[in-house]
N, C-alpha and C. Protein backbone atom coordinates (compact mmCIF):
# COMPACT_ATOMS: atom_id res chain seq x y z
N GLN A 1 83.77 57.93 -46.67
CA GLN A 1 83.74 58.43 -47.87
C GLN A 1 82.27 58.59 -48.58
N ASN A 2 81.83 59.49 -49.23
CA ASN A 2 80.65 59.70 -49.82
C ASN A 2 80.71 58.66 -51.06
N PHE A 3 79.50 58.18 -51.52
CA PHE A 3 79.34 57.40 -52.62
C PHE A 3 79.55 58.27 -53.72
N PRO A 4 80.55 58.18 -54.74
CA PRO A 4 80.81 59.06 -55.80
C PRO A 4 80.05 58.59 -57.21
N TYR A 5 79.03 57.54 -57.05
CA TYR A 5 78.45 57.46 -58.33
C TYR A 5 76.98 57.62 -58.48
N SER A 6 76.58 57.66 -59.63
CA SER A 6 75.10 58.06 -59.82
C SER A 6 74.48 56.92 -59.79
N ILE A 7 73.14 56.70 -59.25
CA ILE A 7 72.34 55.78 -59.25
C ILE A 7 70.85 56.14 -59.77
N ALA A 8 70.41 55.31 -60.82
CA ALA A 8 69.00 55.65 -61.40
C ALA A 8 68.37 54.57 -61.69
N LYS A 9 66.92 54.73 -61.46
CA LYS A 9 66.08 53.65 -61.70
C LYS A 9 66.07 53.16 -62.99
N LEU A 10 65.94 51.86 -63.44
CA LEU A 10 66.08 51.34 -64.59
C LEU A 10 64.55 51.48 -65.04
N ARG A 11 64.36 51.82 -66.22
CA ARG A 11 62.89 51.99 -66.96
C ARG A 11 62.97 51.49 -68.36
N GLY A 12 61.72 51.56 -69.15
CA GLY A 12 61.65 51.24 -70.39
C GLY A 12 61.81 49.77 -70.66
N VAL A 13 62.28 49.64 -72.00
CA VAL A 13 62.31 48.35 -72.61
C VAL A 13 63.50 47.40 -71.93
N LEU A 14 64.49 47.94 -71.36
CA LEU A 14 65.24 47.41 -70.53
C LEU A 14 64.95 46.70 -69.22
N HIS A 15 64.10 47.64 -68.58
CA HIS A 15 63.41 47.06 -67.34
C HIS A 15 62.58 46.06 -67.65
N THR A 16 61.70 45.95 -68.75
CA THR A 16 60.84 45.04 -69.24
C THR A 16 61.66 43.77 -69.27
N LYS A 17 62.82 43.82 -70.14
CA LYS A 17 63.50 42.49 -70.43
C LYS A 17 64.16 41.93 -69.24
N PHE A 18 64.58 42.88 -68.34
CA PHE A 18 65.31 42.47 -67.14
C PHE A 18 64.23 41.63 -66.12
N VAL A 19 63.00 42.28 -65.83
CA VAL A 19 62.25 41.56 -65.13
C VAL A 19 61.53 40.38 -65.53
N LYS A 20 61.68 40.32 -66.93
CA LYS A 20 61.18 38.97 -67.52
C LYS A 20 62.11 37.87 -67.04
N ASP A 21 63.35 37.88 -66.93
CA ASP A 21 64.37 37.03 -66.49
C ASP A 21 64.40 36.86 -64.93
N PHE A 22 64.20 38.11 -64.33
CA PHE A 22 64.50 38.07 -62.84
C PHE A 22 63.18 38.70 -62.04
N PRO A 23 62.06 38.04 -62.16
CA PRO A 23 60.72 38.32 -61.50
C PRO A 23 60.75 38.78 -60.26
N PRO A 24 61.61 38.49 -59.22
CA PRO A 24 61.50 38.96 -57.94
C PRO A 24 61.84 40.61 -57.85
N HIS A 25 62.59 41.03 -58.92
CA HIS A 25 62.93 42.62 -58.91
C HIS A 25 62.20 43.33 -59.75
N GLN A 26 60.85 42.98 -60.02
CA GLN A 26 59.90 43.67 -60.91
C GLN A 26 59.80 45.05 -60.40
N ASN A 27 59.84 45.29 -59.07
CA ASN A 27 59.47 46.73 -58.59
C ASN A 27 60.74 47.70 -58.32
N GLY A 28 61.82 47.07 -58.42
CA GLY A 28 63.02 47.83 -58.08
C GLY A 28 64.29 47.42 -58.72
N ILE A 29 64.84 48.07 -59.79
CA ILE A 29 66.05 47.98 -60.18
C ILE A 29 66.62 49.17 -60.65
N VAL A 30 67.96 49.40 -60.25
CA VAL A 30 68.67 50.57 -60.58
C VAL A 30 69.85 50.27 -61.34
N GLN A 31 70.42 51.42 -62.04
CA GLN A 31 71.68 51.22 -62.62
C GLN A 31 72.60 52.10 -62.08
N VAL A 32 73.83 51.82 -61.80
CA VAL A 32 74.80 52.30 -60.93
C VAL A 32 76.10 52.79 -61.79
N GLY A 33 76.56 54.17 -61.77
CA GLY A 33 77.79 54.56 -62.24
C GLY A 33 77.73 54.64 -63.79
N ARG A 34 78.69 55.19 -64.32
CA ARG A 34 78.82 55.25 -65.60
C ARG A 34 78.86 54.07 -66.41
N GLU A 35 79.29 52.88 -65.83
CA GLU A 35 79.03 51.54 -66.49
C GLU A 35 77.56 50.90 -66.59
N LYS A 36 76.80 51.66 -65.69
CA LYS A 36 75.42 51.29 -65.57
C LYS A 36 75.13 49.90 -65.03
N TRP A 37 75.94 49.46 -64.09
CA TRP A 37 75.75 48.18 -63.41
C TRP A 37 74.26 47.96 -62.93
N ILE A 38 73.79 46.74 -63.10
CA ILE A 38 72.50 46.59 -62.70
C ILE A 38 72.49 45.96 -61.28
N MET A 39 71.71 46.60 -60.42
CA MET A 39 71.68 46.31 -59.05
C MET A 39 70.11 46.30 -58.41
N PRO A 40 69.90 45.59 -57.53
CA PRO A 40 68.32 45.65 -56.94
C PRO A 40 68.35 47.00 -56.28
N GLU A 41 67.07 47.61 -56.26
CA GLU A 41 66.72 49.01 -55.88
C GLU A 41 67.19 49.23 -54.36
N LYS A 42 67.21 48.26 -53.65
CA LYS A 42 67.52 48.18 -52.08
C LYS A 42 69.03 48.72 -52.12
N TYR A 43 69.77 48.38 -52.94
CA TYR A 43 71.07 48.66 -53.05
C TYR A 43 71.46 50.14 -52.88
N SER A 44 70.62 50.95 -53.40
CA SER A 44 70.55 52.47 -53.31
C SER A 44 70.80 52.80 -51.82
N GLU A 45 70.00 52.26 -50.77
CA GLU A 45 69.99 52.59 -49.56
C GLU A 45 71.40 52.37 -48.77
N PHE A 46 72.26 51.36 -49.42
CA PHE A 46 73.42 51.01 -48.72
C PHE A 46 74.71 51.08 -49.61
N ALA A 47 74.54 51.67 -50.54
CA ALA A 47 75.61 52.01 -51.61
C ALA A 47 76.95 52.42 -50.97
N GLU A 48 76.67 53.71 -50.10
CA GLU A 48 77.80 54.16 -49.57
C GLU A 48 78.33 53.13 -48.28
N THR A 49 77.67 52.61 -47.56
CA THR A 49 78.10 51.55 -46.77
C THR A 49 78.95 50.40 -47.63
N ILE A 50 78.53 49.92 -48.39
CA ILE A 50 79.10 48.83 -49.22
C ILE A 50 80.59 49.64 -50.04
N TYR A 51 80.24 50.64 -50.40
CA TYR A 51 81.56 51.50 -51.15
C TYR A 51 82.56 51.46 -50.00
N ASN A 52 82.29 51.75 -48.69
CA ASN A 52 83.16 52.03 -47.75
C ASN A 52 83.68 50.68 -47.10
N PHE A 53 83.19 49.59 -47.38
CA PHE A 53 83.29 48.28 -46.88
C PHE A 53 84.90 47.93 -46.79
N GLU A 54 85.26 47.57 -45.62
CA GLU A 54 86.86 47.24 -45.65
C GLU A 54 86.94 45.68 -45.31
N ALA A 55 87.46 45.14 -46.33
CA ALA A 55 87.67 43.69 -46.26
C ALA A 55 88.79 43.13 -45.32
N ARG A 56 88.47 42.08 -44.85
CA ARG A 56 89.50 41.50 -43.78
C ARG A 56 90.33 40.35 -44.54
N PRO A 57 91.62 40.25 -44.01
CA PRO A 57 92.45 39.36 -44.79
C PRO A 57 91.70 37.77 -44.89
N ASP A 58 90.92 37.59 -43.86
CA ASP A 58 90.17 36.09 -44.08
C ASP A 58 89.07 35.98 -44.74
N ASP A 59 88.51 37.33 -45.29
CA ASP A 59 87.03 37.22 -45.90
C ASP A 59 87.14 36.40 -47.27
N VAL A 60 86.22 35.77 -47.52
CA VAL A 60 86.07 35.00 -48.69
C VAL A 60 84.72 35.68 -49.60
N PHE A 61 85.03 35.82 -50.86
CA PHE A 61 84.10 36.25 -51.79
C PHE A 61 83.63 35.21 -52.77
N ILE A 62 82.39 35.23 -53.07
CA ILE A 62 82.03 34.30 -54.25
C ILE A 62 81.27 35.15 -55.18
N CYS A 63 81.70 35.07 -56.38
CA CYS A 63 81.15 35.85 -57.46
C CYS A 63 80.84 35.05 -58.53
N THR A 64 79.53 34.88 -58.80
CA THR A 64 78.88 34.00 -59.69
C THR A 64 77.91 34.59 -60.68
N LEU A 65 77.76 33.95 -61.77
CA LEU A 65 76.31 34.44 -62.59
C LEU A 65 75.20 33.80 -62.02
N PRO A 66 74.07 34.49 -62.28
CA PRO A 66 72.69 33.82 -61.88
C PRO A 66 72.79 32.41 -62.33
N ARG A 67 72.09 31.67 -61.61
CA ARG A 67 71.72 30.30 -61.92
C ARG A 67 72.84 29.45 -62.47
N SER A 68 74.14 29.55 -61.80
CA SER A 68 75.41 28.99 -62.04
C SER A 68 75.90 28.27 -60.88
N GLY A 69 75.20 27.85 -59.97
CA GLY A 69 75.59 26.99 -58.76
C GLY A 69 75.93 27.76 -57.69
N THR A 70 75.58 29.07 -57.47
CA THR A 70 75.84 29.98 -56.35
C THR A 70 75.64 29.21 -54.95
N THR A 71 74.45 28.66 -54.80
CA THR A 71 74.07 28.11 -53.52
C THR A 71 74.98 26.75 -53.22
N TRP A 72 75.16 26.06 -54.18
CA TRP A 72 76.16 25.02 -53.97
C TRP A 72 77.50 25.41 -53.69
N THR A 73 78.00 26.44 -54.31
CA THR A 73 79.43 26.79 -54.17
C THR A 73 79.52 27.59 -52.64
N GLN A 74 78.50 28.20 -52.30
CA GLN A 74 78.64 28.69 -50.99
C GLN A 74 78.54 27.87 -50.01
N GLU A 75 77.75 26.61 -50.19
CA GLU A 75 77.90 25.50 -49.06
C GLU A 75 79.27 24.76 -49.11
N MET A 76 79.68 24.49 -50.17
CA MET A 76 81.06 23.99 -50.24
C MET A 76 82.15 24.82 -49.83
N ILE A 77 82.14 26.05 -49.99
CA ILE A 77 83.26 26.89 -49.50
C ILE A 77 83.09 27.25 -48.00
N TRP A 78 81.91 27.29 -47.59
CA TRP A 78 81.74 27.21 -46.07
C TRP A 78 82.15 26.19 -45.34
N LEU A 79 81.76 25.26 -45.66
CA LEU A 79 82.27 23.76 -45.28
C LEU A 79 83.76 23.70 -45.18
N ILE A 80 84.38 24.02 -46.33
CA ILE A 80 85.77 23.91 -46.43
C ILE A 80 86.39 24.89 -45.29
N CYS A 81 85.88 26.06 -45.21
CA CYS A 81 86.48 27.06 -44.43
C CYS A 81 86.00 26.64 -42.88
N ASN A 82 85.28 25.76 -42.66
CA ASN A 82 84.87 25.48 -41.14
C ASN A 82 85.06 23.90 -40.94
N ASP A 83 86.04 23.47 -41.28
CA ASP A 83 86.34 22.08 -41.09
C ASP A 83 85.33 21.01 -41.23
N LEU A 84 84.54 21.24 -42.45
CA LEU A 84 83.54 20.29 -42.59
C LEU A 84 82.56 20.03 -41.47
N ASP A 85 82.16 21.13 -40.67
CA ASP A 85 81.09 21.05 -39.72
C ASP A 85 79.79 21.13 -40.10
N TYR A 86 79.30 20.02 -40.61
CA TYR A 86 77.95 19.86 -41.16
C TYR A 86 76.93 20.11 -40.23
N GLU A 87 77.18 19.84 -38.80
CA GLU A 87 76.08 20.20 -37.87
C GLU A 87 75.93 21.74 -37.67
N LYS A 88 76.88 22.30 -37.71
CA LYS A 88 77.11 23.96 -37.49
C LYS A 88 76.32 24.46 -38.78
N ALA A 89 76.69 23.95 -39.86
CA ALA A 89 76.01 24.37 -41.18
C ALA A 89 74.55 24.30 -41.17
N LYS A 90 74.14 23.16 -40.78
CA LYS A 90 72.53 22.96 -40.56
C LYS A 90 71.89 23.91 -39.62
N SER A 91 72.69 24.38 -38.58
CA SER A 91 72.01 25.35 -37.51
C SER A 91 72.13 26.74 -37.84
N ILE A 92 72.82 27.22 -38.97
CA ILE A 92 72.97 28.47 -39.17
C ILE A 92 72.33 28.76 -40.86
N PRO A 93 71.37 29.45 -40.97
CA PRO A 93 70.94 29.81 -42.42
C PRO A 93 72.06 30.16 -43.21
N LEU A 94 71.95 29.61 -44.45
CA LEU A 94 73.16 30.20 -45.41
C LEU A 94 73.17 31.59 -45.68
N ILE A 95 72.08 32.32 -45.54
CA ILE A 95 72.02 33.73 -45.62
C ILE A 95 72.85 34.66 -44.63
N GLN A 96 73.04 33.81 -43.42
CA GLN A 96 73.79 34.23 -42.14
C GLN A 96 75.19 33.82 -42.41
N ARG A 97 75.53 32.53 -43.01
CA ARG A 97 76.89 32.26 -43.16
C ARG A 97 77.43 32.93 -44.57
N PHE A 98 76.70 33.43 -45.39
CA PHE A 98 77.21 33.87 -46.67
C PHE A 98 76.25 35.00 -46.97
N PRO A 99 76.12 36.25 -46.35
CA PRO A 99 75.32 37.36 -46.65
C PRO A 99 75.71 37.70 -48.13
N TYR A 100 74.83 38.36 -48.74
CA TYR A 100 75.05 38.98 -50.23
C TYR A 100 75.36 40.44 -50.01
N LEU A 101 76.50 40.71 -50.51
CA LEU A 101 77.04 42.20 -50.24
C LEU A 101 75.84 43.30 -50.74
N GLU A 102 75.50 42.92 -51.91
CA GLU A 102 74.61 43.86 -52.49
C GLU A 102 72.93 43.81 -51.87
N PHE A 103 72.98 43.00 -50.90
CA PHE A 103 71.53 43.13 -50.26
C PHE A 103 71.85 43.29 -48.60
N VAL A 104 72.96 44.04 -48.43
CA VAL A 104 73.04 44.63 -46.96
C VAL A 104 71.89 45.06 -46.32
N THR A 105 71.57 44.60 -45.08
CA THR A 105 70.46 45.18 -44.42
C THR A 105 70.75 45.91 -43.27
N ASN A 106 71.88 46.01 -42.66
CA ASN A 106 72.10 46.73 -41.58
C ASN A 106 73.50 47.26 -41.33
């Protein structure tokens, strides 16, 4: 199914305010849909794939605000779901164990 929402590059005062708090996104921020959700510009390339994503019954999603303990939560949840396998956790980078849906790259 085609992605049914508009995507527009963030500009002006709002862009300036946003990049002040989120410097890694200085060059690419978009607003999505009628609600104007803020997303990294790279999201534009994968919006349709994400929109058509089909969750499995055993998928686990973590939804957090920035700077609220996301990394700690990811580690804790991954370990709980994987029988506290610390050695395996050390051998697989966190981004592979818990990819960010909005940063899909393939």
